[in-house]
Protein backbone atom coordinates (compact mmCIF):
# COMPACT_ATOMS: atom_id res chain seq x y z
CA MET A 1 -0.48 -2.38 -2.80
CA ARG A 2 0.77 -1.27 -0.26
CA ARG A 3 2.73 -1.49 2.87
CA LEU A 4 1.05 -2.86 5.94
CA THR A 5 2.87 -2.14 9.18
CA VAL A 6 1.78 -4.04 12.18
CA LEU A 7 -0.44 -1.52 13.04
CA PHE A 8 -1.08 -3.16 10.04
CA ALA A 9 0.93 -1.74 7.19
CA LEU A 10 1.10 -2.28 -0.10
CA GLY A 11 0.49 -6.93 -5.94
CA LEU A 12 -2.97 -8.55 -6.41
CA LEU A 13 -3.49 -11.21 -8.82
CA VAL A 14 -4.63 -12.33 -12.14
CA TYR A 15 -2.24 -12.20 -15.00
CA LEU A 16 -3.00 -9.59 -17.63
CA THR A 17 -2.55 -11.19 -21.04
CA ALA A 18 0.03 -9.31 -23.04
CA SER A 19 -1.29 -7.41 -26.04
CA CYS A 20 2.12 -6.84 -27.53
CA GLY A 21 1.72 -9.02 -30.57
CA ALA A 22 -0.67 -6.82 -32.51
CA PRO A 23 0.51 -3.48 -33.89
CA GLN A 24 -2.38 -1.75 -32.14
CA THR A 25 -4.93 -2.82 -29.54
CA THR A 26 -7.84 -0.56 -28.67
CA HIS A 27 -9.73 -0.92 -25.39
CA PRO A 28 -13.16 0.66 -25.92
CA GLN A 29 -14.94 2.64 -23.27
CA ALA A 30 -16.41 0.52 -20.49
CA LYS A 31 -18.77 1.19 -17.64
CA GLN A 32 -16.98 3.13 -14.92
CA GLU A 33 -16.10 1.03 -11.89
CA ALA A 34 -13.66 1.01 -8.97
CA PRO A 35 -11.40 3.99 -8.33
CA ALA A 36 -7.70 3.29 -8.11
CA GLN A 37 -6.49 1.98 -4.78
CA ALA A 38 -3.29 1.89 -3.75
CA THR A 39 0.35 0.87 -1.41
CA SER A 40 7.53 7.54 0.16
CA VAL A 41 9.98 9.78 0.97
CA PRO A 42 11.93 10.23 4.19
CA PRO A 43 10.21 13.00 6.15
CA SER A 44 11.83 16.39 5.76
CA SER A 45 13.30 17.97 8.85
CA GLU A 46 12.61 21.43 7.49
CA ALA A 47 9.11 21.08 6.07
CA PRO A 48 7.24 24.39 6.12
CA LYS A 49 4.26 24.72 8.41
CA PRO A 50 1.03 23.93 6.54
CA ALA A 51 -1.65 26.54 6.09
CA ALA A 52 -3.93 26.77 9.09
CA PRO A 53 -6.82 24.31 8.81
CA GLN A 54 -10.41 25.38 8.99
CA ALA A 55 -12.00 25.55 12.42
CA GLN A 56 -13.78 22.27 13.08
CA PRO A 57 -15.73 20.59 15.86
CA ALA A 58 -13.86 18.50 18.37
CA ALA A 59 -12.99 14.92 17.42
CA PRO A 60 -12.12 11.92 19.57
CA THR A 61 -8.75 11.32 21.13
CA GLN A 62 -7.29 7.87 21.68
CA SER A 63 -9.40 7.36 24.77
CA SER A 64 -12.59 9.15 23.76
CA ALA A 65 -15.44 8.01 21.53
CA PRO A 66 -16.30 9.49 18.13
CA ALA A 67 -19.07 11.99 17.74
CA ALA A 68 -22.56 10.72 17.02
CA LYS A 69 -23.88 10.62 13.48
CA SER A 70 -25.01 13.97 12.12
CA SER A 71 -28.77 14.40 12.36
CA GLY A 72 -30.56 14.05 9.03
CA ALA A 73 -27.41 13.21 7.07
CA SER A 74 -26.37 9.90 5.53
CA VAL A 75 -22.94 9.40 7.11
CA ILE A 76 -20.70 6.33 7.20
CA ARG A 77 -18.28 6.42 10.15
CA ILE A 78 -15.19 4.23 9.77
CA ASN A 79 -12.24 3.69 12.08
CA ILE A 80 -9.12 3.55 9.88
CA GLY A 81 -6.62 3.13 12.71
CA THR A 82 -3.18 4.67 12.32
CA TYR A 83 -3.10 8.28 11.15
CA PRO A 84 -1.26 8.71 7.81
CA ASP A 85 2.34 9.82 7.84
CA ASN A 86 1.99 11.32 4.35
CA LEU A 87 -0.94 12.13 2.04
CA ASP A 88 1.02 13.13 -1.04
CA PRO A 89 0.08 10.60 -3.80
CA GLN A 90 3.57 10.68 -5.30
CA GLN A 91 5.14 9.90 -1.92
CA MET A 92 2.69 7.63 -0.12
CA SER A 93 3.16 3.88 0.19
CA PHE A 94 1.20 2.66 3.23
CA LEU A 95 -2.34 1.33 3.04
CA ASN A 96 -3.85 3.94 5.34
CA GLU A 97 -2.32 6.72 3.21
CA ILE A 98 -3.49 5.22 -0.07
CA GLN A 99 -7.05 4.74 1.16
CA HIS A 100 -7.43 8.48 1.65
CA ALA A 101 -6.07 9.27 -1.80
CA SER A 102 -8.34 6.75 -3.52
CA LEU A 103 -11.36 8.72 -2.32
CA ILE A 104 -9.97 12.06 -3.50
CA TYR A 105 -8.29 11.17 -6.81
CA GLU A 106 -8.68 8.93 -9.85
CA GLY A 107 -5.92 7.58 -12.08
CA LEU A 108 -5.83 7.05 -15.82
CA LEU A 109 -7.26 3.57 -15.35
CA ASN A 110 -9.17 1.71 -12.65
CA LEU A 111 -9.70 -1.95 -11.82
CA ASP A 112 -13.07 -3.64 -11.85
CA THR A 113 -14.14 -6.04 -9.12
CA ASN A 114 -12.52 -8.86 -11.07
CA LEU A 115 -9.27 -6.88 -10.71
CA LYS A 116 -8.89 -6.21 -14.42
CA PRO A 117 -8.02 -2.78 -15.88
CA ILE A 118 -10.92 -0.63 -17.03
CA PRO A 119 -11.26 3.04 -18.01
CA GLY A 120 -10.76 5.64 -15.31
CA ALA A 121 -10.02 9.25 -16.16
CA ALA A 122 -9.03 7.82 -19.55
CA GLU A 123 -12.02 6.52 -21.53
CA LYS A 124 -9.77 4.24 -23.62
CA TRP A 125 -6.15 3.34 -24.25
CA ASP A 126 -4.34 2.18 -27.37
CA VAL A 127 -1.27 -0.04 -27.34
CA LEU A 128 1.14 0.72 -30.20
CA ASP A 129 4.62 -0.22 -31.44
CA GLY A 130 4.44 -3.84 -30.33
CA GLY A 131 3.59 -2.85 -26.78
CA LYS A 132 6.14 -0.06 -26.31
CA THR A 133 3.74 2.88 -26.59
CA TYR A 134 0.52 3.51 -24.67
CA ARG A 135 -1.81 6.31 -25.81
CA PHE A 136 -4.50 7.26 -23.30
CA THR A 137 -7.55 9.26 -24.39
CA LEU A 138 -9.09 11.19 -21.49
CA ARG A 139 -12.81 11.62 -21.06
CA LYS A 140 -14.03 14.96 -22.39
CA GLY A 141 -14.88 17.71 -19.94
CA LEU A 142 -13.02 16.34 -16.92
CA LYS A 143 -12.80 18.74 -13.98
CA TYR A 144 -11.16 18.97 -10.59
CA SER A 145 -13.34 19.23 -7.52
CA ASP A 146 -13.03 23.04 -7.59
CA GLY A 147 -14.27 23.19 -11.18
CA GLN A 148 -10.94 23.79 -12.90
CA PRO A 149 -10.41 21.72 -16.07
CA LEU A 150 -8.24 18.60 -15.90
CA SER A 151 -6.06 17.81 -18.91
CA ALA A 152 -3.42 15.35 -20.06
CA LYS A 153 -0.81 17.88 -18.87
CA ASN A 154 -1.85 17.18 -15.28
CA PHE A 155 -1.09 13.49 -15.72
CA GLU A 156 2.22 14.25 -17.42
CA TYR A 157 3.15 16.34 -14.38
CA ALA A 158 2.12 13.56 -11.99
CA PHE A 159 4.14 10.76 -13.63
CA LYS A 160 7.25 12.91 -13.98
CA ARG A 161 6.89 14.03 -10.38
CA ALA A 162 6.65 10.38 -9.31
CA ALA A 163 10.11 9.77 -10.81
CA ASP A 164 11.64 13.00 -9.48
CA PRO A 165 14.90 12.23 -7.60
CA LEU A 166 14.43 15.36 -5.50
CA LEU A 167 11.14 13.96 -4.22
CA GLY A 168 12.37 10.39 -3.86
CA GLY A 169 8.94 8.77 -3.58
CA GLN A 170 8.78 5.18 -2.36
CA TYR A 171 7.15 4.02 -5.60
CA GLN A 172 9.63 5.90 -7.74
CA SER A 173 11.07 2.70 -9.24
CA SER A 174 7.62 1.66 -10.47
CA THR A 175 7.93 4.40 -13.09
CA TYR A 176 11.15 2.92 -14.45
CA ASP A 177 9.36 0.94 -17.16
CA ILE A 178 8.88 4.32 -18.84
CA GLU A 179 11.63 5.35 -21.24
CA GLY A 180 13.99 7.78 -19.55
CA ALA A 181 12.43 7.44 -16.10
CA GLU A 182 15.25 5.41 -14.55
CA ALA A 183 17.93 7.78 -15.81
CA TYR A 184 15.99 10.67 -14.30
CA GLY A 185 14.97 8.92 -11.09
CA THR A 186 18.44 7.60 -10.24
CA ALA A 187 20.27 10.86 -10.91
CA ASP A 188 21.92 12.17 -7.74
CA PRO A 189 20.34 15.57 -7.06
CA LYS A 190 23.31 16.50 -4.88
CA THR A 191 25.82 16.18 -7.71
CA THR A 192 23.63 16.74 -10.79
CA ALA A 193 23.20 20.31 -11.99
CA PRO A 194 19.59 21.61 -12.03
CA GLU A 195 19.70 22.12 -15.79
CA LYS A 196 20.82 18.50 -16.26
CA LEU A 197 17.98 17.28 -14.06
CA LYS A 198 15.55 19.29 -16.17
CA GLU A 199 17.02 17.76 -19.31
CA LEU A 200 16.57 14.27 -17.90
CA ARG A 201 13.03 15.10 -16.82
CA ASP A 202 12.16 16.36 -20.30
CA LYS A 203 13.50 13.12 -21.81
CA MET A 204 11.19 11.01 -19.70
CA ALA A 205 8.75 9.72 -22.32
CA VAL A 206 5.46 10.94 -20.87
CA LYS A 207 3.88 13.62 -23.04
CA ALA A 208 0.53 15.36 -23.35
CA LEU A 209 -0.10 15.44 -27.11
CA ASP A 210 -3.15 17.65 -26.53
CA ASP A 211 -5.64 18.32 -23.75
CA THR A 212 -7.15 14.83 -23.89
CA THR A 213 -4.28 12.64 -25.16
CA LEU A 214 -1.39 11.35 -23.05
CA GLU A 215 1.32 9.24 -24.65
CA ILE A 216 3.71 7.08 -22.62
CA ARG A 217 6.60 5.24 -24.26
CA LEU A 218 8.15 2.30 -22.47
CA ALA A 219 11.79 1.30 -22.38
CA LYS A 220 10.61 -2.24 -23.16
CA PRO A 221 7.21 -3.90 -23.59
CA VAL A 222 5.76 -5.18 -20.31
CA ALA A 223 2.38 -6.89 -20.07
CA TYR A 224 1.50 -5.38 -16.69
CA PHE A 225 1.76 -1.70 -17.64
CA PRO A 226 -2.02 -1.01 -17.50
CA TYR A 227 -1.73 -1.75 -13.77
CA ILE A 228 1.00 0.87 -13.47
CA ALA A 229 -1.33 3.36 -15.17
CA TYR A 230 -3.94 2.73 -12.48
CA GLN A 231 -1.76 3.35 -9.43
CA TRP A 232 -1.89 6.28 -7.05
CA PHE A 233 1.56 7.68 -7.85
CA GLY A 234 0.02 8.71 -11.18
CA PHE A 235 -2.88 10.55 -9.54
CA PRO A 236 -3.10 14.07 -11.06
CA VAL A 237 -2.18 16.28 -8.11
CA ARG A 238 -2.37 19.98 -8.88
CA GLU A 239 0.96 21.69 -9.40
CA ASP A 240 -0.34 24.91 -7.82
CA MET A 241 -1.25 22.98 -4.66
CA VAL A 242 2.13 21.22 -4.48
CA ALA A 243 3.80 24.63 -4.80
CA LYS A 244 2.43 25.57 -1.38
CA GLY A 245 5.18 23.64 0.39
CA GLU A 246 6.47 20.20 1.31
CA THR A 247 3.53 19.54 3.61
CA TRP A 248 0.92 20.94 1.22
CA TRP A 249 -1.04 17.70 1.64
CA ALA A 250 -1.64 18.28 5.38
CA ASP A 251 -4.31 20.92 4.67
CA ALA A 252 -7.59 19.52 3.33
CA ARG A 253 -8.08 22.67 1.26
CA ASN A 254 -5.08 21.69 -0.87
CA GLN A 255 -6.38 18.19 -1.64
CA ILE A 256 -8.14 19.23 -4.83
CA GLY A 257 -8.70 16.02 -6.74
CA ASN A 258 -10.68 14.37 -9.53
CA GLY A 259 -12.09 11.40 -7.60
CA PRO A 260 -15.52 10.53 -6.21
CA PHE A 261 -15.12 12.48 -2.97
CA ILE A 262 -13.75 15.78 -1.65
CA MET A 263 -11.80 15.95 1.59
CA THR A 264 -13.41 18.79 3.52
CA GLU A 265 -11.58 18.38 6.82
CA LEU A 266 -8.39 16.81 8.15
CA LYS A 267 -7.58 16.99 11.87
CA GLU A 268 -4.33 15.28 12.77
CA LYS A 269 -4.85 11.89 14.45
CA GLU A 270 -8.53 12.69 14.96
CA LEU A 271 -10.79 13.07 11.95
CA ALA A 272 -11.08 13.24 8.16
CA ARG A 273 -14.31 14.06 6.34
CA PHE A 274 -15.19 13.34 2.73
CA VAL A 275 -18.27 14.50 0.80
CA PRO A 276 -19.33 13.67 -2.79
CA ASN A 277 -17.49 15.48 -5.57
CA PRO A 278 -20.14 17.02 -7.88
CA ASN A 279 -17.56 17.29 -10.67
CA TRP A 280 -16.66 13.60 -10.74
CA HIS A 281 -17.70 11.94 -13.99
CA GLY A 282 -18.69 8.62 -12.39
CA GLU A 283 -21.58 7.22 -10.42
CA LYS A 284 -22.91 9.62 -7.79
CA PRO A 285 -21.95 8.52 -4.24
CA GLN A 286 -24.92 7.28 -2.23
CA VAL A 287 -23.90 8.78 1.12
CA ASP A 288 -23.65 12.42 2.15
CA GLU A 289 -20.39 11.91 3.97
CA ILE A 290 -17.68 9.41 4.89
CA GLN A 291 -15.79 9.99 8.13
CA PHE A 292 -12.44 8.43 9.05
CA ARG A 293 -11.28 8.23 12.66
CA TYR A 294 -7.86 7.18 13.94
CA ILE A 295 -8.20 5.09 17.10
CA THR A 296 -5.49 2.42 17.28
CA GLU A 297 -6.52 0.63 20.48
CA SER A 298 -8.85 -2.22 19.47
CA ARG A 299 -10.59 -2.27 22.86
CA VAL A 300 -11.48 1.42 22.54
CA TYR A 301 -12.78 1.37 18.99
CA THR A 302 -14.67 -1.91 19.53
CA GLU A 303 -16.50 -0.42 22.52
CA ALA A 304 -17.27 2.67 20.43
CA TYR A 305 -18.72 0.42 17.72
CA LYS A 306 -20.87 -1.42 20.26
CA ASN A 307 -22.12 1.94 21.53
CA GLY A 308 -23.27 2.88 18.01
CA GLU A 309 -20.50 5.42 17.39
CA PHE A 310 -18.93 3.63 14.40
CA ASP A 311 -20.52 1.90 11.42
CA ILE A 312 -17.46 -0.09 10.29
CA ILE A 313 -14.37 -1.18 12.20
CA LEU A 314 -11.56 -3.64 11.73
CA LEU A 315 -12.23 -6.78 13.75
CA ALA A 316 -9.02 -7.32 15.68
CA ALA A 317 -8.00 -10.89 16.39
CA GLU A 318 -8.14 -10.13 20.11
CA GLU A 319 -11.84 -9.24 19.79
CA LEU A 320 -12.82 -12.07 17.41
CA GLU A 321 -13.85 -14.71 19.95
CA THR A 322 -15.88 -12.23 21.96
CA ALA A 323 -17.67 -11.05 18.82
CA GLN A 324 -18.39 -14.62 17.72
CA LYS A 325 -20.05 -15.40 21.06
CA ASP A 326 -22.08 -12.18 21.11
CA PRO A 327 -25.67 -12.68 19.77
CA VAL A 328 -25.62 -9.26 18.06
CA LEU A 329 -22.00 -8.85 16.97
CA SER A 330 -21.78 -12.39 15.60
CA LYS A 331 -24.28 -11.39 12.89
CA GLU A 332 -22.24 -8.32 11.98
CA ILE A 333 -18.92 -10.06 11.26
CA VAL A 334 -17.74 -9.76 7.66
CA ARG A 335 -14.81 -11.99 6.62
CA TYR A 336 -13.22 -12.56 3.22
CA PRO A 337 -9.76 -13.45 1.83
CA GLY A 338 -6.97 -10.87 1.98
CA SER A 339 -4.10 -10.18 -0.39
CA CYS A 340 -1.19 -9.59 1.99
CA THR A 341 1.84 -11.40 3.37
CA GLN A 342 2.95 -10.47 6.88
CA ALA A 343 6.62 -11.08 7.54
CA LEU A 344 9.70 -10.22 9.55
CA PHE A 345 11.76 -7.72 7.55
CA PHE A 346 15.46 -7.36 8.33
CA ASN A 347 17.53 -4.21 7.90
CA MET A 348 20.79 -5.75 6.68
CA THR A 349 22.75 -2.60 7.49
CA ARG A 350 22.00 -2.93 11.22
CA ALA A 351 23.69 -5.41 13.56
CA PRO A 352 23.10 -8.22 14.15
CA PHE A 353 20.97 -8.62 11.01
CA ASP A 354 23.93 -8.00 8.75
CA LYS A 355 24.64 -11.69 9.49
CA LYS A 356 22.62 -14.27 7.56
CA ASP A 357 22.76 -16.73 10.47
CA VAL A 358 20.96 -14.23 12.71
CA ARG A 359 18.22 -13.74 10.14
CA LEU A 360 17.92 -17.49 9.69
CA ALA A 361 17.74 -18.01 13.46
CA PHE A 362 14.82 -15.57 13.72
CA ALA A 363 13.03 -17.28 10.82
CA LYS A 364 13.39 -20.75 12.36
CA GLY A 365 12.98 -19.70 15.97
CA ILE A 366 9.36 -18.50 15.86
CA ASP A 367 6.43 -20.93 15.80
CA ARG A 368 4.15 -19.52 13.09
CA GLU A 369 1.39 -22.05 13.77
CA ALA A 370 1.22 -21.02 17.42
CA TYR A 371 1.28 -17.33 16.48
CA VAL A 372 -1.69 -17.65 14.12
CA ARG A 373 -3.58 -19.98 16.44
CA ASP A 374 -3.00 -18.27 19.79
CA ILE A 375 -2.39 -14.63 18.91
CA LEU A 376 -4.38 -14.12 15.71
CA ARG A 377 -7.17 -16.50 16.81
CA GLY A 378 -7.00 -18.14 13.40
CA LEU A 379 -7.25 -14.91 11.38
CA GLY A 380 -4.46 -15.86 8.99
CA VAL A 381 -2.83 -18.74 7.14
CA VAL A 382 0.74 -19.79 8.00
CA THR A 383 3.23 -19.42 5.16
CA THR A 384 6.95 -19.33 4.42
CA ALA A 385 6.32 -18.14 0.84
CA TRP A 386 6.60 -14.48 -0.09
CA MET A 387 3.90 -14.48 -2.79
CA PRO A 388 0.41 -15.29 -1.46
CA PRO A 389 -2.10 -17.77 -2.92
CA GLY A 390 -3.84 -16.48 -6.04
CA ILE A 391 -0.77 -14.83 -7.52
CA PRO A 392 0.25 -16.40 -10.83
CA GLY A 393 3.38 -18.40 -10.04
CA TYR A 394 2.44 -18.93 -6.38
CA ASN A 395 4.51 -21.75 -4.88
CA LYS A 396 3.25 -23.07 -1.54
CA ASP A 397 6.61 -24.76 -0.91
CA ALA A 398 8.66 -21.59 -1.29
CA GLY A 399 10.78 -20.74 1.74
CA ALA A 400 11.00 -24.31 3.05
CA ASN A 401 14.43 -23.37 4.40
CA LEU A 402 12.72 -20.95 6.81
CA LYS A 403 10.29 -23.38 8.45
CA TYR A 404 10.03 -23.51 12.23
CA ASP A 405 12.89 -25.59 13.63
CA PRO A 406 14.01 -24.38 17.07
CA ALA A 407 17.08 -26.62 17.22
CA ALA A 408 18.34 -25.43 13.83
CA GLY A 409 17.46 -21.85 14.78
CA LYS A 410 19.47 -22.04 18.00
CA ALA A 411 22.43 -23.54 16.13
CA ALA A 412 22.32 -20.64 13.63
CA TRP A 413 22.14 -18.13 16.49
CA GLN A 414 25.17 -19.70 18.17
CA ARG A 415 27.13 -19.72 14.89
CA ALA A 416 26.49 -16.00 14.59
CA GLY A 417 28.12 -15.46 17.98
CA TYR A 418 26.21 -12.26 18.76
CA SER A 419 25.89 -11.21 22.40
CA GLY A 420 24.66 -7.63 22.13
CA GLU A 421 21.20 -6.16 22.65
CA VAL A 422 18.45 -6.90 20.11
CA LYS A 423 15.48 -4.52 19.93
CA LEU A 424 12.07 -5.50 18.63
CA THR A 425 10.52 -2.24 17.41
CA HIS A 426 6.73 -2.17 17.24
CA ALA A 427 3.71 0.11 17.33
CA SER A 428 2.89 1.25 20.84
CA THR A 429 -0.60 -0.17 21.16
CA SER A 430 -1.66 -2.86 23.63
CA ARG A 431 -2.73 -5.15 20.78
CA ILE A 432 0.63 -5.01 19.04
CA LYS A 433 2.50 -5.23 22.35
CA THR A 434 0.83 -8.60 22.96
CA ARG A 435 2.02 -9.83 19.59
CA PHE A 436 5.60 -8.81 20.19
CA GLU A 437 5.59 -10.26 23.68
CA PHE A 438 4.80 -13.59 22.01
CA ILE A 439 7.67 -13.15 19.54
CA ALA A 440 10.06 -12.15 22.31
CA GLY A 441 9.03 -15.20 24.33
CA GLN A 442 9.67 -17.47 21.35
CA LEU A 443 13.14 -16.03 20.81
CA GLN A 444 13.98 -16.37 24.49
CA GLN A 445 12.71 -19.94 24.66
CA ASN A 446 14.12 -21.20 21.36
CA LEU A 447 17.28 -19.14 20.77
CA GLY A 448 18.29 -18.46 24.36
CA PHE A 449 18.43 -14.66 24.54
CA THR A 450 16.06 -11.97 25.78
CA PRO A 451 15.20 -9.26 23.24
CA VAL A 452 14.16 -5.75 24.29
CA LEU A 453 10.70 -4.49 23.30
CA ASP A 454 10.90 -1.06 21.68
CA PRO A 455 7.43 0.56 21.38
CA VAL A 456 7.05 3.52 19.00
CA GLU A 457 4.05 5.75 18.31
CA PRO A 458 2.29 4.20 15.25
CA THR A 459 2.46 7.12 12.81
CA THR A 460 6.09 7.73 13.76
CA LEU A 461 6.88 4.09 13.07
CA THR A 462 5.56 4.29 9.51
CA ALA A 463 7.85 7.26 8.90
CA LEU A 464 10.87 5.44 10.33
CA GLN A 465 10.34 2.48 8.01
CA LYS A 466 10.54 4.61 4.88
CA ASN A 467 14.23 5.43 5.25
CA ILE A 468 17.09 2.94 5.55
CA GLU A 469 18.86 5.23 8.03
CA THR A 470 15.93 5.06 10.46
CA ASN A 471 14.37 1.71 9.53
CA PRO A 472 14.57 -0.46 12.67
CA PRO A 473 16.76 -3.59 12.63
CA VAL A 474 13.73 -5.89 12.46
CA THR A 475 10.03 -5.18 12.00
CA LEU A 476 6.87 -7.19 11.54
CA SER A 477 5.27 -5.64 8.48
CA GLY A 478 3.56 -6.70 5.31
CA TRP A 479 3.10 -6.24 1.61
CA CYS A 480 -0.34 -6.20 0.02
CA ALA A 481 -1.32 -6.57 -3.60
CA ASP A 482 -1.19 -3.46 -5.76
CA TYR A 483 -2.11 -5.22 -9.00
CA PRO A 484 -2.57 -8.77 -10.31
CA ASP A 485 0.92 -9.74 -11.38
CA PRO A 486 3.91 -11.46 -9.73
CA GLN A 487 6.05 -8.54 -10.91
CA ASN A 488 4.42 -6.51 -8.14
CA TRP A 489 5.76 -8.99 -5.58
CA LEU A 490 9.27 -9.36 -6.96
CA THR A 491 10.63 -6.57 -9.19
CA ALA A 492 8.44 -3.83 -7.72
CA TYR A 493 9.60 -4.64 -4.21
CA TRP A 494 12.94 -6.44 -4.24
CA ARG A 495 14.82 -4.85 -7.12
CA SER A 496 17.80 -2.98 -5.66
CA THR A 497 16.32 0.36 -6.81
CA ALA A 498 12.95 -0.32 -5.16
CA TYR A 499 11.93 -1.15 -1.58
CA ALA A 500 15.03 -3.31 -1.20
CA ARG A 501 16.79 -0.01 -0.50
CA ARG A 502 15.03 0.12 2.87
CA TYR A 503 16.84 -3.02 3.94
CA GLY A 504 20.24 -2.49 2.36
CA TYR A 505 19.65 -5.44 0.05
CA LYS A 506 21.27 -5.54 -3.39
CA ASN A 507 21.66 -8.68 -5.46
CA ALA A 508 22.79 -7.96 -9.02
CA ASP A 509 21.96 -11.46 -10.26
CA LEU A 510 18.48 -11.21 -8.78
CA ASP A 511 17.97 -7.83 -10.48
CA LYS A 512 18.91 -9.36 -13.85
CA LEU A 513 16.58 -12.31 -13.35
CA MET A 514 13.62 -10.13 -12.41
CA ASP A 515 14.28 -7.69 -15.27
CA ALA A 516 14.29 -10.62 -17.70
CA ALA A 517 11.07 -12.01 -16.22
CA ASP A 518 9.35 -8.63 -16.63
CA VAL A 519 9.70 -8.77 -20.43
CA GLU A 520 9.32 -12.52 -20.98
CA GLN A 521 6.36 -13.13 -23.28
CA ASN A 522 5.83 -16.81 -22.49
CA ALA A 523 3.61 -16.79 -19.38
CA ASP A 524 4.71 -20.19 -18.02
CA LYS A 525 8.39 -19.36 -18.41
CA ARG A 526 7.80 -15.94 -16.88
CA TYR A 527 6.19 -17.43 -13.77
CA GLN A 528 9.05 -19.90 -13.40
CA MET A 529 11.54 -17.03 -13.51
CA TYR A 530 9.67 -15.19 -10.78
CA GLN A 531 9.59 -18.39 -8.71
CA GLN A 532 13.36 -18.60 -9.02
CA ALA A 533 13.61 -14.96 -7.98
CA GLU A 534 11.46 -15.70 -4.92
CA LYS A 535 13.70 -18.64 -4.03
CA THR A 536 16.81 -16.46 -4.28
CA LEU A 537 15.24 -13.85 -2.05
CA LEU A 538 14.23 -16.36 0.61
CA ASP A 539 17.57 -18.17 0.44
CA ASP A 540 19.20 -14.83 1.27
CA VAL A 541 16.76 -14.51 4.21
CA VAL A 542 16.11 -10.82 3.68
CA VAL A 543 12.54 -11.45 4.75
CA SER A 544 10.88 -14.22 6.75
CA PRO A 545 7.20 -14.67 5.81
CA MET A 546 4.87 -15.48 8.72
CA TYR A 547 1.29 -15.64 7.45
CA ASN A 548 -1.18 -14.54 4.77
CA THR A 549 -3.93 -12.24 5.95
CA GLU A 550 -7.69 -12.53 6.12
CA ASN A 551 -9.93 -9.46 6.10
CA ALA A 552 -12.31 -9.25 9.06
CA PHE A 553 -14.61 -6.37 10.02
CA LEU A 554 -17.63 -5.52 12.08
CA VAL A 555 -20.25 -3.79 9.94
CA LYS A 556 -23.59 -2.46 11.10
CA PRO A 557 -26.54 -4.24 9.45
CA TYR A 558 -27.86 -1.00 7.94
CA VAL A 559 -24.63 -0.45 5.94
CA GLN A 560 -24.75 -1.45 2.28
CA TYR A 561 -21.57 -1.91 0.25
CA ALA A 562 -20.39 -3.26 -3.09
CA LYS A 563 -18.95 -6.66 -3.88
CA THR A 564 -15.80 -7.21 -1.85
CA THR A 565 -12.43 -8.12 -3.34
CA SER A 566 -9.14 -9.10 -1.74
CA HIS A 567 -8.21 -5.44 -2.34
CA ASP A 568 -10.84 -4.18 0.12
CA LEU A 569 -8.42 -3.94 3.01
CA SER A 570 -9.55 -0.79 4.84
CA PHE A 571 -13.26 -1.60 4.88
CA PRO A 572 -15.70 -3.72 2.87
CA GLY A 573 -16.60 -1.82 -0.27
CA SER A 574 -13.48 0.36 -0.18
CA PHE A 575 -12.84 -0.57 -3.80
CA GLU A 576 -16.12 1.09 -4.84
CA PRO A 577 -16.75 3.61 -2.06
CA TRP A 578 -19.46 5.47 -3.97
CA LYS A 579 -21.66 2.41 -3.45
CA LEU A 580 -21.52 2.68 0.34
CA ALA A 581 -25.04 3.41 1.53
CA ILE A 582 -27.33 3.43 4.53
CA LYS A 583 -30.16 0.96 3.97
CA LYS A 584 -33.56 2.53 4.44
């Protein structure tokens, strides 16, 4: 799903049985559930100034508390943390970005709370040609939040925009299962004539057959494609809104969507407001308003929660023990399994991490057990595997070569022979500083050198990580489930045309193995191939897994929410936000 930077920073699990054997499979209309959730493009240096936002009441700064609940209104106030770097569905990739979009928009398909594909904007889908063609039938009478009709053409525009090489969205490679998408997406816009780019775009096999029918042809049958149809990069943004400029998304008035809520206000690093969308086809939201705030200091937002100024907050590890001992807060703790792997990610184009021995030294030189026990207060499970538990093909023994071994780590560091400065770049909050001070202490104690802490403003850090030229040498980040398939953890992230670009990692043999696994019809063999791909990745030490996450929140007792899933990462019930309610 999604990137999770430590701030925090987006595949879920359950294998979707392939329906490629039959000439046609029809999925009848089902009860509407769960809007698509999600998990970028390097920021433009010449982005036009967005239209002036509407005048709004003051919102809290980093050190001030949020405004009190509106009198007479049913309002849920949630602290989301880091302010989004980008709110363009075809460019976003971080959890905090995707959470906003999942309130405003709806994809062709959704997932239910068992994480299986169900109808979304499309009331059904047919699988044709042995699994190579998907035909989506939209619900009749769909409208955008401003009342304008929504048609299959809007989805055609969205998927082609997601592959656009001029846009260069972070999830661009996830469209490459579509016939013609890779040829279009990998074309160099600097050397390819505009007319040729248009020709390639037109050949991308996404086509509105009429107002309610969208046909997508695949380059090859893949069992997981319904999950691709549910993701946020296929959300039907309006072309007339995008035409307003590169930062069109920064003005709430341009976020005209087809989801359960309407964004009515967006104040940078302060406040976002969402109200029910009367034109949404699904279940009517039970609250009058959802508010997001962006306080990153856990001490500040926890005090605000205790003062009754928030209804839901993330429970930071640093606040866990205090909350557990508090007679009131202890009853308001909500914990459930997560779907993320937190890890050290290495930019292999930046010294000294261009050397495998350096990467190996970092992997072996940090005591994961101590980190989870002492820093996270037990909110996590130590791992050296990339894929988390619950993913088909999960191997608890993966990454055994990366296990904590300070003597072997120091030997690897000495073999590398590096004597220059090493920066540890991290979000500039006191909570994250504490975590990196621990890591720095481990490296000093076990490898024998003193790294330099490099704090960066949280939103800025998310932007830096989206571009290999600015991606720091080493970061502590994460990947969370987008959909229930190991492909989301291997091909979607580590293929050389995908997120691997951020780290300068390209392994042609690994690409071939993952491509073959994507189309393998025998499930057991397919999982074995992905396991081999994971082993290759970890043997190359491009990433060093640290722990699997657990979701923990403080929730006021009067807040009612839907069944939680491992996908509910921003707040309990985020998978079905229309069910959030204030208990009477």
